[in-house]
Amino acid sequence: MSQQLKYAVFGSGSWATAIVKMLCENLNEVGWYMRSVYTKEHLLKEQHNPSYLSSVEFHLEQLKLSNDINKMAAYADVLIFAIPSAFIHSELEKLTIDITNKTVVSAVKGILPESGLLLGEHFHDNYNIPFENIGVIAGPCHAEEVALERLSYLTISCADQDKAQAIADVLSSDYIKTKISDDIIGTEYAVMLKNIYAIAAGIAHGLGYGDNFQSVLMSNAIREMKRFIKKMHKMKRNINNSAYLGDLLVTGYSTFSRNRMFGNMIGKGYTVKSAQMEMSMVAEGYYATKSAHLLNEKNKKKTRTPIIDAVYAVLYEGKDAKKVFKKLTDRLD
C-alpha cells in the first residue's frame, strides 16, 4: 500500500466527518459517501457538514462527494466505514459492485445487530474479503477534539502490518498520533464494549454516585472487557494499552461522550425512548448492549459480565436503574 491509493469514507456523522478531516491533512483527494442529498448539497455550498462538527471547514477541491455508495466504492481502494452499526446493514444492502480486492476499514463502534457479527467478520463472510485486507480504527479519540485539533491518539489494527502502517500514515498529523496493532478482533470488540461501560458510568452519575464509585466501576469494566474479549478471541494482548483502557476511560469520563450522556439521562429518570429522542446523535452502546448480552448467552460457558448485565436489565428489561445499580455495587470489587 502507498499514499497514492484512493481513500473514501462512508457515513456523514461526527466520526465520519472527523476521519475525512484527518485524511484531508495528507491526501489531495478524499472520497466521501453520504446518504443524505441535503448534507451533500449543504457541504458543497457552505463547506461544512450541517449537522456534525460544523466548525470544520473543508476545501471542496479535496473532496469527491457522492450519494451513490457503489460509485464511491468503485472509486476508492481503501473503504473506511463510519456508519452507525444500527444502520450499516441497510446501507451495505445497496452495495452491488465487487469489493473483493478492496481494503475495508471499520470505524463502526458496534456489532451488526442483524447478525451479531463484527463489521470485519461481516465483510469476510459476505464479501469474501481476506482478513489481511480488513482493518479497524480505534481510539481513544473523540471526534469533537479532532475538530478542535487537540492532540489525539489512534490505533490502527490489521493482520497485515504494512497495511496498518499505511493507513496510520494517512491519518497522522501534528495533532493525531497513531500506532498499529495486529489484534483486529480484540480492538473491534473493545471499541464496542467501551460504549456499554460508558452508559453504565452515565447511569451511575445520573443516580448520584460520585467519583469514588466511578473509579471502581471503570476498574471493574476493564477487567470485564478483558474476560469478554479473551473468550471471543484468545491471543496475547495488553488490555492496558490505549486502544482498550485508554478508549474506555475517555468514553466513560468525557463530557463529549454521547454514551455517557445517554446513560446519565437514564439515571436521571428518562425512559430509553425519551432519551433517544432528545439526543441528536446515536448512542452506539444501546445497540452494543443487546449484542454483547446475546453473544455471552450463546457461550456454553458464560463470561462473568455484571456491568453488561446491569445495563441490559435497565435498557432492555425495563428494570429500575436505582435498584439494578444498588445490586451491582455488591458485585464489584
C-alpha atoms as a PDB file:
ATOM      1  CA  MET A   1       0.000   0.000   0.000  1.00  0.00           C
ATOM      2  CA  SER A   2       1.088   3.553  -0.576  1.00  0.00           C
ATOM      3  CA  GLN A   3      -0.247   7.033  -0.148  1.00  0.00           C
ATOM      4  CA  GLN A   4      -1.157   7.002  -3.853  1.00  0.00           C
ATOM      5  CA  LEU A   5      -4.111   4.742  -3.095  1.00  0.00           C
ATOM      6  CA  LYS A   6      -7.537   6.363  -3.086  1.00  0.00           C
ATOM      7  CA  TYR A   7      -9.402   6.577   0.201  1.00  0.00           C
ATOM      8  CA  ALA A   8     -13.127   7.019   0.800  1.00  0.00           C
ATOM      9  CA  VAL A   9     -15.156   7.444   3.968  1.00  0.00           C
ATOM     10  CA  PHE A  10     -18.700   6.115   4.217  1.00  0.00           C
ATOM     11  CA  GLY A  11     -21.005   7.970   6.619  1.00  0.00           C
ATOM     12  CA  SER A  12     -21.816  11.570   7.471  1.00  0.00           C
ATOM     13  CA  GLY A  13     -21.877  11.638  11.271  1.00  0.00           C
ATOM     14  CA  SER A  14     -19.353  13.256  13.589  1.00  0.00           C
ATOM     15  CA  TRP A  15     -16.834  10.383  13.471  1.00  0.00           C
ATOM     16  CA  ALA A  16     -17.002  10.125   9.674  1.00  0.00           C
ATOM     17  CA  THR A  17     -16.526  13.897   9.424  1.00  0.00           C
ATOM     18  CA  ALA A  18     -13.517  13.748  11.761  1.00  0.00           C
ATOM     19  CA  ILE A  19     -11.909  10.958   9.717  1.00  0.00           C
ATOM     20  CA  VAL A  20     -12.379  12.938   6.495  1.00  0.00           C
ATOM     21  CA  LYS A  21     -10.714  15.903   8.190  1.00  0.00           C
ATOM     22  CA  MET A  22      -7.749  13.724   9.229  1.00  0.00           C
ATOM     23  CA  LEU A  23      -7.355  12.311   5.721  1.00  0.00           C
ATOM     24  CA  CYS A  24      -7.509  15.792   4.186  1.00  0.00           C
ATOM     25  CA  GLU A  25      -4.356  16.679   6.129  1.00  0.00           C
ATOM     26  CA  ASN A  26      -2.392  14.223   3.960  1.00  0.00           C
ATOM     27  CA  LEU A  27      -4.290  13.461   0.737  1.00  0.00           C
ATOM     28  CA  ASN A  28      -5.073  15.633  -2.262  1.00  0.00           C
ATOM     29  CA  GLU A  29      -8.442  13.944  -2.722  1.00  0.00           C
ATOM     30  CA  VAL A  30     -10.737  12.110  -0.322  1.00  0.00           C
ATOM     31  CA  GLY A  31     -13.927  10.303  -1.326  1.00  0.00           C
ATOM     32  CA  TRP A  32     -16.941  10.807   0.919  1.00  0.00           C
ATOM     33  CA  TYR A  33     -20.208   8.892   0.676  1.00  0.00           C
ATOM     34  CA  MET A  34     -23.237  10.264   2.483  1.00  0.00           C
ATOM     35  CA  ARG A  35     -26.813   9.044   2.197  1.00  0.00           C
ATOM     36  CA  SER A  36     -28.360  12.490   2.609  1.00  0.00           C
ATOM     37  CA  VAL A  37     -28.638  14.627  -0.530  1.00  0.00           C
ATOM     38  CA  TYR A  38     -29.237  17.649   1.717  1.00  0.00           C
ATOM     39  CA  THR A  39     -25.951  17.089   3.586  1.00  0.00           C
ATOM     40  CA  LYS A  40     -24.052  16.818   0.321  1.00  0.00           C
ATOM     41  CA  GLU A  41     -25.631  19.976  -1.155  1.00  0.00           C
ATOM     42  CA  HIS A  42     -25.050  21.926   2.066  1.00  0.00           C
ATOM     43  CA  LEU A  43     -21.404  20.858   2.108  1.00  0.00           C
ATOM     44  CA  LEU A  44     -20.932  21.993  -1.491  1.00  0.00           C
ATOM     45  CA  LYS A  45     -22.475  25.359  -0.696  1.00  0.00           C
ATOM     46  CA  GLU A  46     -21.239  26.099   2.835  1.00  0.00           C
ATOM     47  CA  GLN A  47     -18.063  23.933   3.020  1.00  0.00           C
ATOM     48  CA  HIS A  48     -19.073  22.211   6.256  1.00  0.00           C
ATOM     49  CA  ASN A  49     -21.286  19.390   7.487  1.00  0.00           C
ATOM     50  CA  PRO A  50     -24.628  20.957   8.510  1.00  0.00           C
ATOM     51  CA  SER A  51     -25.315  18.521  11.343  1.00  0.00           C
ATOM     52  CA  TYR A  52     -21.976  17.398  12.804  1.00  0.00           C
ATOM     53  CA  LEU A  53     -18.693  19.182  13.589  1.00  0.00           C
ATOM     54  CA  SER A  54     -19.998  22.222  11.717  1.00  0.00           C
ATOM     55  CA  SER A  55     -16.926  24.213  12.809  1.00  0.00           C
ATOM     56  CA  VAL A  56     -14.752  22.134  10.465  1.00  0.00           C
ATOM     57  CA  GLU A  57     -14.408  23.828   7.086  1.00  0.00           C
ATOM     58  CA  PHE A  58     -13.319  21.704   4.129  1.00  0.00           C
ATOM     59  CA  HIS A  59     -11.540  22.686   0.922  1.00  0.00           C
ATOM     60  CA  LEU A  60     -14.026  21.442  -1.643  1.00  0.00           C
ATOM     61  CA  GLU A  61     -11.320  20.741  -4.216  1.00  0.00           C
ATOM     62  CA  GLN A  62     -10.094  17.958  -1.891  1.00  0.00           C
ATOM     63  CA  LEU A  63     -13.473  16.234  -1.615  1.00  0.00           C
ATOM     64  CA  LYS A  64     -15.107  13.803  -4.000  1.00  0.00           C
ATOM     65  CA  LEU A  65     -18.707  13.656  -2.727  1.00  0.00           C
ATOM     66  CA  SER A  66     -21.404  11.185  -3.701  1.00  0.00           C
ATOM     67  CA  ASN A  67     -24.806   9.887  -2.595  1.00  0.00           C
ATOM     68  CA  ASP A  68     -24.153   6.684  -4.565  1.00  0.00           C
ATOM     69  CA  ILE A  69     -22.465   4.018  -2.408  1.00  0.00           C
ATOM     70  CA  ASN A  70     -21.471   1.919  -5.441  1.00  0.00           C
ATOM     71  CA  LYS A  71     -19.887   4.869  -7.223  1.00  0.00           C
ATOM     72  CA  MET A  72     -17.796   5.657  -4.146  1.00  0.00           C
ATOM     73  CA  ALA A  73     -16.856   2.016  -3.532  1.00  0.00           C
ATOM     74  CA  ALA A  74     -15.716   1.743  -7.174  1.00  0.00           C
ATOM     75  CA  TYR A  75     -13.650   4.941  -6.847  1.00  0.00           C
ATOM     76  CA  ALA A  76     -11.621   4.030  -3.754  1.00  0.00           C
ATOM     77  CA  ASP A  77      -9.001   1.400  -2.938  1.00  0.00           C
ATOM     78  CA  VAL A  78      -9.445   1.806   0.830  1.00  0.00           C
ATOM     79  CA  LEU A  79     -13.030   1.952   2.101  1.00  0.00           C
ATOM     80  CA  ILE A  80     -13.474   3.357   5.623  1.00  0.00           C
ATOM     81  CA  PHE A  81     -16.921   2.712   7.087  1.00  0.00           C
ATOM     82  CA  ALA A  82     -18.112   5.054   9.848  1.00  0.00           C
ATOM     83  CA  ILE A  83     -21.854   4.417   9.655  1.00  0.00           C
ATOM     84  CA  PRO A  84     -23.601   3.607  12.978  1.00  0.00           C
ATOM     85  CA  SER A  85     -23.960  -0.144  13.476  1.00  0.00           C
ATOM     86  CA  ALA A  86     -27.767   0.091  13.610  1.00  0.00           C
ATOM     87  CA  PHE A  87     -27.897   1.426  10.050  1.00  0.00           C
ATOM     88  CA  ILE A  88     -24.909  -0.101   8.281  1.00  0.00           C
ATOM     89  CA  HIS A  89     -26.642  -3.325   7.243  1.00  0.00           C
ATOM     90  CA  SER A  90     -29.297  -1.443   5.259  1.00  0.00           C
ATOM     91  CA  GLU A  91     -26.607   0.715   3.640  1.00  0.00           C
ATOM     92  CA  LEU A  92     -24.490  -2.293   2.676  1.00  0.00           C
ATOM     93  CA  GLU A  93     -27.523  -3.898   1.029  1.00  0.00           C
ATOM     94  CA  LYS A  94     -27.201  -1.169  -1.627  1.00  0.00           C
ATOM     95  CA  LEU A  95     -23.663  -2.345  -2.409  1.00  0.00           C
ATOM     96  CA  THR A  96     -23.693  -4.346  -5.640  1.00  0.00           C
ATOM     97  CA  ILE A  97     -20.156  -3.952  -7.021  1.00  0.00           C
ATOM     98  CA  ASP A  98     -17.365  -6.433  -6.331  1.00  0.00           C
ATOM     99  CA  ILE A  99     -15.155  -5.163  -3.491  1.00  0.00           C
ATOM    100  CA  THR A 100     -13.175  -8.392  -3.010  1.00  0.00           C
ATOM    101  CA  ASN A 101      -9.879  -6.665  -3.815  1.00  0.00           C
ATOM    102  CA  LYS A 102     -10.515  -3.573  -1.720  1.00  0.00           C
ATOM    103  CA  THR A 103      -9.124  -2.840   1.728  1.00  0.00           C
ATOM    104  CA  VAL A 104     -12.014  -2.345   4.142  1.00  0.00           C
ATOM    105  CA  VAL A 105     -11.576  -0.440   7.403  1.00  0.00           C
ATOM    106  CA  SER A 106     -14.107  -0.452  10.235  1.00  0.00           C
ATOM    107  CA  ALA A 107     -14.631   2.759  12.156  1.00  0.00           C
ATOM    108  CA  VAL A 108     -18.014   1.406  13.269  1.00  0.00           C
ATOM    109  CA  LYS A 109     -18.267   1.317  17.045  1.00  0.00           C
ATOM    110  CA  GLY A 110     -20.549  -1.650  17.357  1.00  0.00           C
ATOM    111  CA  ILE A 111     -21.743  -5.033  16.173  1.00  0.00           C
ATOM    112  CA  LEU A 112     -24.240  -5.530  13.353  1.00  0.00           C
ATOM    113  CA  PRO A 113     -27.496  -6.188  15.260  1.00  0.00           C
ATOM    114  CA  GLU A 114     -28.906  -8.340  12.435  1.00  0.00           C
ATOM    115  CA  SER A 115     -26.111 -10.920  12.548  1.00  0.00           C
ATOM    116  CA  GLY A 116     -24.176 -10.377  15.776  1.00  0.00           C
ATOM    117  CA  LEU A 117     -21.019 -10.082  13.666  1.00  0.00           C
ATOM    118  CA  LEU A 118     -18.235  -7.532  13.891  1.00  0.00           C
ATOM    119  CA  LEU A 119     -18.034  -5.472  10.701  1.00  0.00           C
ATOM    120  CA  GLY A 120     -14.772  -7.159   9.718  1.00  0.00           C
ATOM    121  CA  GLU A 121     -16.367 -10.589  10.140  1.00  0.00           C
ATOM    122  CA  HIS A 122     -19.371  -9.443   8.096  1.00  0.00           C
ATOM    123  CA  PHE A 123     -17.163  -8.343   5.199  1.00  0.00           C
ATOM    124  CA  HIS A 124     -15.142 -11.545   5.388  1.00  0.00           C
ATOM    125  CA  ASP A 125     -18.213 -13.805   5.419  1.00  0.00           C
ATOM    126  CA  ASN A 126     -20.414 -11.924   2.942  1.00  0.00           C
ATOM    127  CA  TYR A 127     -17.967 -10.188   0.587  1.00  0.00           C
ATOM    128  CA  ASN A 128     -15.086 -12.705   0.598  1.00  0.00           C
ATOM    129  CA  ILE A 129     -12.589 -10.112   1.759  1.00  0.00           C
ATOM    130  CA  PRO A 130      -9.456 -11.710   3.300  1.00  0.00           C
ATOM    131  CA  PHE A 131      -8.804 -10.794   6.930  1.00  0.00           C
ATOM    132  CA  GLU A 132      -5.445  -9.291   5.924  1.00  0.00           C
ATOM    133  CA  ASN A 133      -7.434  -6.715   3.896  1.00  0.00           C
ATOM    134  CA  ILE A 134      -9.595  -5.711   6.852  1.00  0.00           C
ATOM    135  CA  GLY A 135      -8.634  -3.020   9.356  1.00  0.00           C
ATOM    136  CA  VAL A 136     -10.068  -1.316  12.434  1.00  0.00           C
ATOM    137  CA  ILE A 137      -9.696   2.260  13.653  1.00  0.00           C
ATOM    138  CA  ALA A 138      -9.781   2.536  17.464  1.00  0.00           C
ATOM    139  CA  GLY A 139      -9.247   5.442  19.860  1.00  0.00           C
ATOM    140  CA  PRO A 140      -9.002   6.965  22.350  1.00  0.00           C
ATOM    141  CA  CYS A 141     -10.229   9.780  20.143  1.00  0.00           C
ATOM    142  CA  HIS A 142     -13.360  11.939  20.278  1.00  0.00           C
ATOM    143  CA  ALA A 143     -14.473  13.499  17.007  1.00  0.00           C
ATOM    144  CA  GLU A 144     -15.079  16.810  18.767  1.00  0.00           C
ATOM    145  CA  GLU A 145     -11.428  17.037  19.838  1.00  0.00           C
ATOM    146  CA  VAL A 146     -10.272  16.217  16.305  1.00  0.00           C
ATOM    147  CA  ALA A 147     -12.374  19.180  15.142  1.00  0.00           C
ATOM    148  CA  LEU A 148     -10.586  21.367  17.687  1.00  0.00           C
ATOM    149  CA  GLU A 149      -7.228  19.867  16.625  1.00  0.00           C
ATOM    150  CA  ARG A 150      -6.462  18.791  20.161  1.00  0.00           C
ATOM    151  CA  LEU A 151      -3.780  16.119  20.478  1.00  0.00           C
ATOM    152  CA  SER A 152      -5.434  12.726  19.979  1.00  0.00           C
ATOM    153  CA  TYR A 153      -4.335   9.113  19.549  1.00  0.00           C
ATOM    154  CA  LEU A 154      -5.494   6.349  17.214  1.00  0.00           C
ATOM    155  CA  THR A 155      -4.696   2.644  16.979  1.00  0.00           C
ATOM    156  CA  ILE A 156      -4.966   1.041  13.543  1.00  0.00           C
ATOM    157  CA  SER A 157      -5.367  -2.739  13.636  1.00  0.00           C
ATOM    158  CA  CYS A 158      -4.830  -5.081  10.705  1.00  0.00           C
ATOM    159  CA  ALA A 159      -3.407  -8.581  10.270  1.00  0.00           C
ATOM    160  CA  ASP A 160      -1.168  -7.104   7.544  1.00  0.00           C
ATOM    161  CA  GLN A 161       1.097  -4.722   9.450  1.00  0.00           C
ATOM    162  CA  ASP A 162       2.207  -2.928   6.276  1.00  0.00           C
ATOM    163  CA  LYS A 163      -1.404  -2.063   5.502  1.00  0.00           C
ATOM    164  CA  ALA A 164      -1.958  -0.960   9.091  1.00  0.00           C
ATOM    165  CA  GLN A 165       1.065   1.348   8.886  1.00  0.00           C
ATOM    166  CA  ALA A 166      -0.009   2.797   5.536  1.00  0.00           C
ATOM    167  CA  ILE A 167      -3.460   3.643   6.929  1.00  0.00           C
ATOM    168  CA  ALA A 168      -1.880   5.042  10.086  1.00  0.00           C
ATOM    169  CA  ASP A 169       0.367   7.271   7.985  1.00  0.00           C
ATOM    170  CA  VAL A 170      -2.500   8.912   6.097  1.00  0.00           C
ATOM    171  CA  LEU A 171      -4.345   9.596   9.373  1.00  0.00           C
ATOM    172  CA  SER A 172      -1.321  11.024  11.214  1.00  0.00           C
ATOM    173  CA  SER A 173      -0.725  14.745  11.644  1.00  0.00           C
ATOM    174  CA  ASP A 174       0.582  17.277  14.170  1.00  0.00           C
ATOM    175  CA  TYR A 175      -2.458  16.612  16.332  1.00  0.00           C
ATOM    176  CA  ILE A 176      -3.060  12.907  15.546  1.00  0.00           C
ATOM    177  CA  LYS A 177      -0.572  10.322  16.784  1.00  0.00           C
ATOM    178  CA  THR A 178      -1.007   6.754  15.566  1.00  0.00           C
ATOM    179  CA  LYS A 179       0.184   3.271  16.450  1.00  0.00           C
ATOM    180  CA  ILE A 180      -0.546  -0.095  14.857  1.00  0.00           C
ATOM    181  CA  SER A 181      -1.730  -3.463  16.159  1.00  0.00           C
ATOM    182  CA  ASP A 182      -2.460  -6.928  14.802  1.00  0.00           C
ATOM    183  CA  ASP A 183      -5.338  -7.522  17.253  1.00  0.00           C
ATOM    184  CA  ILE A 184      -8.098  -6.715  14.781  1.00  0.00           C
ATOM    185  CA  ILE A 185     -10.842  -8.708  16.547  1.00  0.00           C
ATOM    186  CA  GLY A 186      -9.876  -7.618  20.053  1.00  0.00           C
ATOM    187  CA  THR A 187      -9.751  -3.916  19.226  1.00  0.00           C
ATOM    188  CA  GLU A 188     -13.067  -4.099  17.378  1.00  0.00           C
ATOM    189  CA  TYR A 189     -14.716  -5.727  20.398  1.00  0.00           C
ATOM    190  CA  ALA A 190     -13.093  -3.149  22.688  1.00  0.00           C
ATOM    191  CA  VAL A 191     -14.497  -0.311  20.587  1.00  0.00           C
ATOM    192  CA  MET A 192     -17.953  -1.845  21.011  1.00  0.00           C
ATOM    193  CA  LEU A 193     -17.723  -2.719  24.721  1.00  0.00           C
ATOM    194  CA  LYS A 194     -16.414   0.616  25.955  1.00  0.00           C
ATOM    195  CA  ASN A 195     -19.679   2.263  24.876  1.00  0.00           C
ATOM    196  CA  ILE A 196     -21.643  -0.084  27.155  1.00  0.00           C
ATOM    197  CA  TYR A 197     -19.409   0.793  30.085  1.00  0.00           C
ATOM    198  CA  ALA A 198     -19.783   4.500  29.283  1.00  0.00           C
ATOM    199  CA  ILE A 199     -23.563   4.095  29.533  1.00  0.00           C
ATOM    200  CA  ALA A 200     -23.035   2.419  32.922  1.00  0.00           C
ATOM    201  CA  ALA A 201     -20.862   5.353  34.017  1.00  0.00           C
ATOM    202  CA  GLY A 202     -23.550   7.781  32.861  1.00  0.00           C
ATOM    203  CA  ILE A 203     -26.332   5.908  34.675  1.00  0.00           C
ATOM    204  CA  ALA A 204     -24.240   5.910  37.856  1.00  0.00           C
ATOM    205  CA  HIS A 205     -23.642   9.646  37.534  1.00  0.00           C
ATOM    206  CA  GLY A 206     -27.311  10.307  36.898  1.00  0.00           C
ATOM    207  CA  LEU A 207     -28.209   8.300  40.012  1.00  0.00           C
ATOM    208  CA  GLY A 208     -25.868  10.438  42.097  1.00  0.00           C
ATOM    209  CA  TYR A 209     -22.894   8.100  42.540  1.00  0.00           C
ATOM    210  CA  GLY A 210     -19.633  10.007  42.929  1.00  0.00           C
ATOM    211  CA  ASP A 211     -16.081   9.791  41.666  1.00  0.00           C
ATOM    212  CA  ASN A 212     -15.111   7.071  44.127  1.00  0.00           C
ATOM    213  CA  PHE A 213     -17.684   4.680  42.725  1.00  0.00           C
ATOM    214  CA  GLN A 214     -16.893   5.703  39.144  1.00  0.00           C
ATOM    215  CA  SER A 215     -13.256   4.692  39.622  1.00  0.00           C
ATOM    216  CA  VAL A 216     -14.298   1.271  40.939  1.00  0.00           C
ATOM    217  CA  LEU A 217     -16.757   0.894  38.054  1.00  0.00           C
ATOM    218  CA  MET A 218     -14.053   1.658  35.461  1.00  0.00           C
ATOM    219  CA  SER A 219     -11.563  -0.636  37.201  1.00  0.00           C
ATOM    220  CA  ASN A 220     -14.088  -3.482  37.027  1.00  0.00           C
ATOM    221  CA  ALA A 221     -15.047  -2.561  33.462  1.00  0.00           C
ATOM    222  CA  ILE A 222     -11.540  -3.047  32.072  1.00  0.00           C
ATOM    223  CA  ARG A 223     -11.292  -6.453  33.736  1.00  0.00           C
ATOM    224  CA  GLU A 224     -14.729  -7.404  32.417  1.00  0.00           C
ATOM    225  CA  MET A 225     -13.673  -6.266  28.953  1.00  0.00           C
ATOM    226  CA  LYS A 226     -10.538  -8.411  29.209  1.00  0.00           C
ATOM    227  CA  ARG A 227     -12.588 -11.505  30.139  1.00  0.00           C
ATOM    228  CA  PHE A 228     -15.109 -10.906  27.349  1.00  0.00           C
ATOM    229  CA  ILE A 229     -12.538 -10.329  24.605  1.00  0.00           C
ATOM    230  CA  LYS A 230     -10.391 -13.261  25.736  1.00  0.00           C
ATOM    231  CA  LYS A 231     -13.449 -15.516  25.470  1.00  0.00           C
ATOM    232  CA  MET A 232     -14.187 -14.265  21.952  1.00  0.00           C
ATOM    233  CA  HIS A 233     -10.625 -14.206  20.625  1.00  0.00           C
ATOM    234  CA  LYS A 234      -7.754 -15.560  22.681  1.00  0.00           C
ATOM    235  CA  MET A 235      -4.379 -14.027  21.859  1.00  0.00           C
ATOM    236  CA  LYS A 236      -1.623 -12.170  23.652  1.00  0.00           C
ATOM    237  CA  ARG A 237      -2.673  -8.541  24.234  1.00  0.00           C
ATOM    238  CA  ASN A 238      -2.083  -5.861  26.851  1.00  0.00           C
ATOM    239  CA  ILE A 239      -5.531  -4.684  27.928  1.00  0.00           C
ATOM    240  CA  ASN A 240      -3.939  -1.578  29.484  1.00  0.00           C
ATOM    241  CA  ASN A 241      -2.927  -0.231  26.059  1.00  0.00           C
ATOM    242  CA  SER A 242      -4.625   2.887  24.693  1.00  0.00           C
ATOM    243  CA  ALA A 243      -6.896   1.011  22.257  1.00  0.00           C
ATOM    244  CA  TYR A 244      -8.536  -0.778  25.200  1.00  0.00           C
ATOM    245  CA  LEU A 245      -8.109   1.021  28.533  1.00  0.00           C
ATOM    246  CA  GLY A 246      -7.462   4.466  27.038  1.00  0.00           C
ATOM    247  CA  ASP A 247     -10.545   4.336  24.835  1.00  0.00           C
ATOM    248  CA  LEU A 248     -12.620   3.064  27.760  1.00  0.00           C
ATOM    249  CA  LEU A 249     -11.525   5.912  30.026  1.00  0.00           C
ATOM    250  CA  VAL A 250     -12.176   8.730  27.558  1.00  0.00           C
ATOM    251  CA  THR A 251     -15.593   7.310  26.666  1.00  0.00           C
ATOM    252  CA  GLY A 252     -16.514   6.732  30.301  1.00  0.00           C
ATOM    253  CA  TYR A 253     -15.436  10.121  31.634  1.00  0.00           C
ATOM    254  CA  SER A 254     -15.558  12.695  28.822  1.00  0.00           C
ATOM    255  CA  THR A 255     -18.324  15.286  28.529  1.00  0.00           C
ATOM    256  CA  PHE A 256     -18.143  14.665  24.762  1.00  0.00           C
ATOM    257  CA  SER A 257     -19.242  11.041  25.245  1.00  0.00           C
ATOM    258  CA  ARG A 258     -22.732  10.551  23.830  1.00  0.00           C
ATOM    259  CA  ASN A 259     -22.965   7.138  25.510  1.00  0.00           C
ATOM    260  CA  ARG A 260     -22.216   8.619  28.927  1.00  0.00           C
ATOM    261  CA  MET A 261     -24.734  11.374  28.176  1.00  0.00           C
ATOM    262  CA  PHE A 262     -27.363   8.797  27.228  1.00  0.00           C
ATOM    263  CA  GLY A 263     -26.707   6.827  30.427  1.00  0.00           C
ATOM    264  CA  ASN A 264     -26.830   9.994  32.511  1.00  0.00           C
ATOM    265  CA  MET A 265     -30.306  10.734  31.175  1.00  0.00           C
ATOM    266  CA  ILE A 266     -31.451   7.200  32.007  1.00  0.00           C
ATOM    267  CA  GLY A 267     -30.049   7.586  35.537  1.00  0.00           C
ATOM    268  CA  LYS A 268     -31.949  10.839  35.965  1.00  0.00           C
ATOM    269  CA  GLY A 269     -35.219   9.133  35.116  1.00  0.00           C
ATOM    270  CA  TYR A 270     -35.643   9.418  31.348  1.00  0.00           C
ATOM    271  CA  THR A 271     -37.160   6.437  29.591  1.00  0.00           C
ATOM    272  CA  VAL A 272     -34.954   4.824  26.938  1.00  0.00           C
ATOM    273  CA  LYS A 273     -37.191   6.160  24.180  1.00  0.00           C
ATOM    274  CA  SER A 274     -37.318   9.707  25.527  1.00  0.00           C
ATOM    275  CA  ALA A 275     -33.525   9.790  25.989  1.00  0.00           C
ATOM    276  CA  GLN A 276     -33.031   8.581  22.411  1.00  0.00           C
ATOM    277  CA  MET A 277     -35.457  11.187  21.068  1.00  0.00           C
ATOM    278  CA  GLU A 278     -33.754  14.031  22.908  1.00  0.00           C
ATOM    279  CA  MET A 279     -30.283  13.111  21.675  1.00  0.00           C
ATOM    280  CA  SER A 280     -29.381  14.226  18.164  1.00  0.00           C
ATOM    281  CA  MET A 281     -26.689  11.540  17.851  1.00  0.00           C
ATOM    282  CA  VAL A 282     -26.773   7.754  18.021  1.00  0.00           C
ATOM    283  CA  ALA A 283     -25.618   6.196  21.301  1.00  0.00           C
ATOM    284  CA  GLU A 284     -23.913   3.089  19.931  1.00  0.00           C
ATOM    285  CA  GLY A 285     -23.791   1.492  23.362  1.00  0.00           C
ATOM    286  CA  TYR A 286     -27.558   0.972  23.334  1.00  0.00           C
ATOM    287  CA  TYR A 287     -27.309  -1.480  20.422  1.00  0.00           C
ATOM    288  CA  ALA A 288     -23.984  -2.885  21.643  1.00  0.00           C
ATOM    289  CA  THR A 289     -25.535  -3.827  24.986  1.00  0.00           C
ATOM    290  CA  LYS A 290     -28.020  -6.181  23.355  1.00  0.00           C
ATOM    291  CA  SER A 291     -25.379  -7.643  21.026  1.00  0.00           C
ATOM    292  CA  ALA A 292     -22.894  -8.276  23.845  1.00  0.00           C
ATOM    293  CA  HIS A 293     -25.603  -9.822  26.022  1.00  0.00           C
ATOM    294  CA  LEU A 294     -26.712 -12.179  23.236  1.00  0.00           C
ATOM    295  CA  LEU A 295     -23.126 -13.163  22.400  1.00  0.00           C
ATOM    296  CA  ASN A 296     -22.460 -14.036  26.017  1.00  0.00           C
ATOM    297  CA  GLU A 297     -25.717 -16.006  26.279  1.00  0.00           C
ATOM    298  CA  LYS A 298     -24.642 -18.133  23.296  1.00  0.00           C
ATOM    299  CA  ASN A 299     -21.426 -19.209  25.026  1.00  0.00           C
ATOM    300  CA  LYS A 300     -21.549 -22.671  26.557  1.00  0.00           C
ATOM    301  CA  LYS A 301     -19.618 -21.252  29.473  1.00  0.00           C
ATOM    302  CA  LYS A 302     -20.760 -17.671  30.020  1.00  0.00           C
ATOM    303  CA  THR A 303     -18.267 -14.951  30.890  1.00  0.00           C
ATOM    304  CA  ARG A 304     -18.950 -13.085  34.128  1.00  0.00           C
ATOM    305  CA  THR A 305     -20.236  -9.680  32.978  1.00  0.00           C
ATOM    306  CA  PRO A 306     -22.071  -7.943  35.855  1.00  0.00           C
ATOM    307  CA  ILE A 307     -21.821  -4.468  34.296  1.00  0.00           C
ATOM    308  CA  ILE A 308     -23.131  -5.516  30.877  1.00  0.00           C
ATOM    309  CA  ASP A 309     -25.885  -7.482  32.653  1.00  0.00           C
ATOM    310  CA  ALA A 310     -26.874  -4.421  34.691  1.00  0.00           C
ATOM    311  CA  VAL A 311     -27.040  -2.113  31.678  1.00  0.00           C
ATOM    312  CA  TYR A 312     -29.026  -4.719  29.728  1.00  0.00           C
ATOM    313  CA  ALA A 313     -31.509  -5.073  32.591  1.00  0.00           C
ATOM    314  CA  VAL A 314     -32.132  -1.319  32.606  1.00  0.00           C
ATOM    315  CA  LEU A 315     -32.244  -0.740  28.844  1.00  0.00           C
ATOM    316  CA  TYR A 316     -33.974  -3.893  27.616  1.00  0.00           C
ATOM    317  CA  GLU A 317     -35.806  -5.436  30.560  1.00  0.00           C
ATOM    318  CA  GLY A 318     -37.249  -2.171  31.874  1.00  0.00           C
ATOM    319  CA  LYS A 319     -35.849  -2.686  35.354  1.00  0.00           C
ATOM    320  CA  ASP A 320     -35.405   0.221  37.753  1.00  0.00           C
ATOM    321  CA  ALA A 321     -31.929   1.714  37.370  1.00  0.00           C
ATOM    322  CA  LYS A 322     -31.643   2.587  41.054  1.00  0.00           C
ATOM    323  CA  LYS A 323     -32.381  -0.981  42.179  1.00  0.00           C
ATOM    324  CA  VAL A 324     -30.203  -2.573  39.496  1.00  0.00           C
ATOM    325  CA  PHE A 325     -27.186  -0.420  40.353  1.00  0.00           C
ATOM    326  CA  LYS A 326     -27.679  -0.983  44.075  1.00  0.00           C
ATOM    327  CA  LYS A 327     -27.275  -4.718  43.380  1.00  0.00           C
ATOM    328  CA  LEU A 328     -24.332  -4.026  41.036  1.00  0.00           C
ATOM    329  CA  THR A 329     -22.415  -2.226  43.812  1.00  0.00           C
ATOM    330  CA  ASP A 330     -22.308  -5.510  45.724  1.00  0.00           C
ATOM    331  CA  ARG A 331     -20.929  -7.403  42.697  1.00  0.00           C
ATOM    332  CA  LEU A 332     -17.939  -5.091  42.102  1.00  0.00           C
ATOM    333  CA  ASP A 333     -14.594  -5.295  43.858  1.00  0.00           C
END
